[in-house]
């Protein structure tokens, strides 16, 4: 089975911002995905129209959300996060939910 790789976006971004990287990693044989944060809208347009959907969700809830995603995988993923997403992936690694983490500033 392919090694899972999860991409985590930062503040003021949408999971779709990772699409080129998800495609690149998938083409290289990884099981790549960029699940959004809890409360994220399914599209950028909906997120802009309804920003309140993501309001009031704190760091612990976001980390818990990704922790649940990692538990559904066949092995611990490599997690890659940009900006505030970098903090999230560091937490996932420190708490034992990831095989490796890359935090991008």
C-alpha atoms as a PDB file:
ATOM      1  CA  UNK A   1       0.000   0.000   0.000  1.00  0.00           C
ATOM      2  CA  UNK A   2       1.089   3.538  -0.704  1.00  0.00           C
ATOM      3  CA  UNK A   3       2.406   5.666   2.134  1.00  0.00           C
ATOM      4  CA  UNK A   4      -0.243   8.224   3.125  1.00  0.00           C
ATOM      5  CA  UNK A   5       0.704  11.885   2.967  1.00  0.00           C
ATOM      6  CA  UNK A   6      -1.602  14.526   4.422  1.00  0.00           C
ATOM      7  CA  UNK A   7      -1.308  18.209   3.586  1.00  0.00           C
ATOM      8  CA  UNK A   8      -2.598  20.738   6.122  1.00  0.00           C
ATOM      9  CA  UNK A   9      -3.334  24.315   5.108  1.00  0.00           C
ATOM     10  CA  UNK A  10      -2.693  27.399   7.179  1.00  0.00           C
ATOM     11  CA  UNK A  11      -4.900  30.262   8.268  1.00  0.00           C
ATOM     12  CA  UNK A  12      -6.883  32.125   5.613  1.00  0.00           C
ATOM     13  CA  UNK A  13      -6.321  29.368   3.054  1.00  0.00           C
ATOM     14  CA  UNK A  14      -8.421  26.469   1.796  1.00  0.00           C
ATOM     15  CA  UNK A  15      -7.487  22.814   1.429  1.00  0.00           C
ATOM     16  CA  UNK A  16      -7.756  23.243  -2.359  1.00  0.00           C
ATOM     17  CA  UNK A  17      -4.550  25.287  -2.246  1.00  0.00           C
ATOM     18  CA  UNK A  18      -2.728  21.962  -1.912  1.00  0.00           C
ATOM     19  CA  UNK A  19      -4.265  20.401  -5.066  1.00  0.00           C
ATOM     20  CA  UNK A  20      -1.122  20.693  -7.252  1.00  0.00           C
ATOM     21  CA  UNK A  21       0.951  19.031  -4.512  1.00  0.00           C
ATOM     22  CA  UNK A  22      -1.621  16.306  -3.897  1.00  0.00           C
ATOM     23  CA  UNK A  23      -1.539  15.533  -7.630  1.00  0.00           C
ATOM     24  CA  UNK A  24       2.285  15.564  -7.707  1.00  0.00           C
ATOM     25  CA  UNK A  25       2.605  13.222  -4.721  1.00  0.00           C
ATOM     26  CA  UNK A  26      -0.139  10.918  -6.018  1.00  0.00           C
ATOM     27  CA  UNK A  27       1.684  10.682  -9.360  1.00  0.00           C
ATOM     28  CA  UNK A  28       4.812   9.663  -7.414  1.00  0.00           C
ATOM     29  CA  UNK A  29       2.912   6.792  -5.777  1.00  0.00           C
ATOM     30  CA  UNK A  30       1.804   8.247  -2.452  1.00  0.00           C
ATOM     31  CA  UNK A  31      -1.732   8.183  -1.082  1.00  0.00           C
ATOM     32  CA  UNK A  32      -1.920  11.970  -0.915  1.00  0.00           C
ATOM     33  CA  UNK A  33      -4.810  14.006   0.440  1.00  0.00           C
ATOM     34  CA  UNK A  34      -5.522  17.490   1.745  1.00  0.00           C
ATOM     35  CA  UNK A  35      -8.503  17.243   4.066  1.00  0.00           C
ATOM     36  CA  UNK A  36      -9.795  20.573   5.300  1.00  0.00           C
ATOM     37  CA  UNK A  37     -10.162  21.797   8.835  1.00  0.00           C
ATOM     38  CA  UNK A  38     -13.390  21.171  10.734  1.00  0.00           C
ATOM     39  CA  UNK A  39     -15.919  23.748   9.576  1.00  0.00           C
ATOM     40  CA  UNK A  40     -14.183  24.299   6.230  1.00  0.00           C
ATOM     41  CA  UNK A  41     -16.554  24.773   3.331  1.00  0.00           C
ATOM     42  CA  UNK A  42     -16.209  22.342   0.421  1.00  0.00           C
ATOM     43  CA  UNK A  43     -15.114  25.079  -2.006  1.00  0.00           C
ATOM     44  CA  UNK A  44     -13.202  28.348  -1.861  1.00  0.00           C
ATOM     45  CA  UNK A  45     -16.272  30.213  -3.100  1.00  0.00           C
ATOM     46  CA  UNK A  46     -18.435  28.815  -0.285  1.00  0.00           C
ATOM     47  CA  UNK A  47     -15.719  29.571   2.274  1.00  0.00           C
ATOM     48  CA  UNK A  48     -15.635  33.199   1.164  1.00  0.00           C
ATOM     49  CA  UNK A  49     -19.424  33.426   1.243  1.00  0.00           C
ATOM     50  CA  UNK A  50     -19.761  31.739   4.667  1.00  0.00           C
ATOM     51  CA  UNK A  51     -16.646  32.482   6.766  1.00  0.00           C
ATOM     52  CA  UNK A  52     -18.608  32.014   9.986  1.00  0.00           C
ATOM     53  CA  UNK A  53     -18.647  28.225   9.391  1.00  0.00           C
ATOM     54  CA  UNK A  54     -15.027  28.040  10.555  1.00  0.00           C
ATOM     55  CA  UNK A  55     -15.322  30.616  13.356  1.00  0.00           C
ATOM     56  CA  UNK A  56     -14.649  29.648  16.946  1.00  0.00           C
ATOM     57  CA  UNK A  57     -12.832  26.383  16.180  1.00  0.00           C
ATOM     58  CA  UNK A  58      -9.626  26.264  18.197  1.00  0.00           C
ATOM     59  CA  UNK A  59      -6.282  24.581  17.738  1.00  0.00           C
ATOM     60  CA  UNK A  60      -7.138  21.538  19.862  1.00  0.00           C
ATOM     61  CA  UNK A  61     -10.289  20.851  17.831  1.00  0.00           C
ATOM     62  CA  UNK A  62      -8.327  21.102  14.580  1.00  0.00           C
ATOM     63  CA  UNK A  63      -5.618  18.739  15.846  1.00  0.00           C
ATOM     64  CA  UNK A  64      -8.311  16.323  17.083  1.00  0.00           C
ATOM     65  CA  UNK A  65      -9.920  16.431  13.629  1.00  0.00           C
ATOM     66  CA  UNK A  66      -6.672  15.443  11.920  1.00  0.00           C
ATOM     67  CA  UNK A  67      -5.948  12.856  14.619  1.00  0.00           C
ATOM     68  CA  UNK A  68      -9.202  11.122  13.714  1.00  0.00           C
ATOM     69  CA  UNK A  69      -8.254  11.207  10.036  1.00  0.00           C
ATOM     70  CA  UNK A  70      -4.872   9.589  10.786  1.00  0.00           C
ATOM     71  CA  UNK A  71      -6.572   6.829  12.781  1.00  0.00           C
ATOM     72  CA  UNK A  72      -8.472   5.815   9.662  1.00  0.00           C
ATOM     73  CA  UNK A  73      -5.309   5.240   7.633  1.00  0.00           C
ATOM     74  CA  UNK A  74      -3.465   1.935   7.199  1.00  0.00           C
ATOM     75  CA  UNK A  75      -0.264   3.450   8.604  1.00  0.00           C
ATOM     76  CA  UNK A  76       0.935   6.695  10.141  1.00  0.00           C
ATOM     77  CA  UNK A  77       1.136   9.376   7.473  1.00  0.00           C
ATOM     78  CA  UNK A  78       3.763  11.886   6.595  1.00  0.00           C
ATOM     79  CA  UNK A  79       2.130  15.230   7.353  1.00  0.00           C
ATOM     80  CA  UNK A  80       3.030  18.478   5.621  1.00  0.00           C
ATOM     81  CA  UNK A  81       1.724  21.815   6.843  1.00  0.00           C
ATOM     82  CA  UNK A  82       2.079  25.392   5.713  1.00  0.00           C
ATOM     83  CA  UNK A  83       2.177  28.305   8.146  1.00  0.00           C
ATOM     84  CA  UNK A  84      -0.329  27.605  10.947  1.00  0.00           C
ATOM     85  CA  UNK A  85      -0.744  24.168   9.357  1.00  0.00           C
ATOM     86  CA  UNK A  86       2.917  23.639  10.273  1.00  0.00           C
ATOM     87  CA  UNK A  87       2.016  23.968  13.939  1.00  0.00           C
ATOM     88  CA  UNK A  88      -0.767  21.429  13.471  1.00  0.00           C
ATOM     89  CA  UNK A  89       1.564  18.869  11.860  1.00  0.00           C
ATOM     90  CA  UNK A  90       4.143  19.395  14.596  1.00  0.00           C
ATOM     91  CA  UNK A  91       1.465  18.564  17.157  1.00  0.00           C
ATOM     92  CA  UNK A  92       0.425  15.465  15.192  1.00  0.00           C
ATOM     93  CA  UNK A  93       4.023  14.252  15.147  1.00  0.00           C
ATOM     94  CA  UNK A  94       4.669  15.063  18.808  1.00  0.00           C
ATOM     95  CA  UNK A  95       1.494  13.248  19.853  1.00  0.00           C
ATOM     96  CA  UNK A  96       2.432  10.118  17.888  1.00  0.00           C
ATOM     97  CA  UNK A  97      -0.086  10.388  15.036  1.00  0.00           C
ATOM     98  CA  UNK A  98       2.423  10.866  12.193  1.00  0.00           C
ATOM     99  CA  UNK A  99       5.523   9.086  10.925  1.00  0.00           C
ATOM    100  CA  UNK A 100       7.177  12.372   9.943  1.00  0.00           C
ATOM    101  CA  UNK A 101       6.265  16.032   9.633  1.00  0.00           C
ATOM    102  CA  UNK A 102       7.319  18.933   7.449  1.00  0.00           C
ATOM    103  CA  UNK A 103       6.449  22.438   8.587  1.00  0.00           C
ATOM    104  CA  UNK A 104       6.726  25.053   5.845  1.00  0.00           C
ATOM    105  CA  UNK A 105       6.931  28.767   6.702  1.00  0.00           C
END
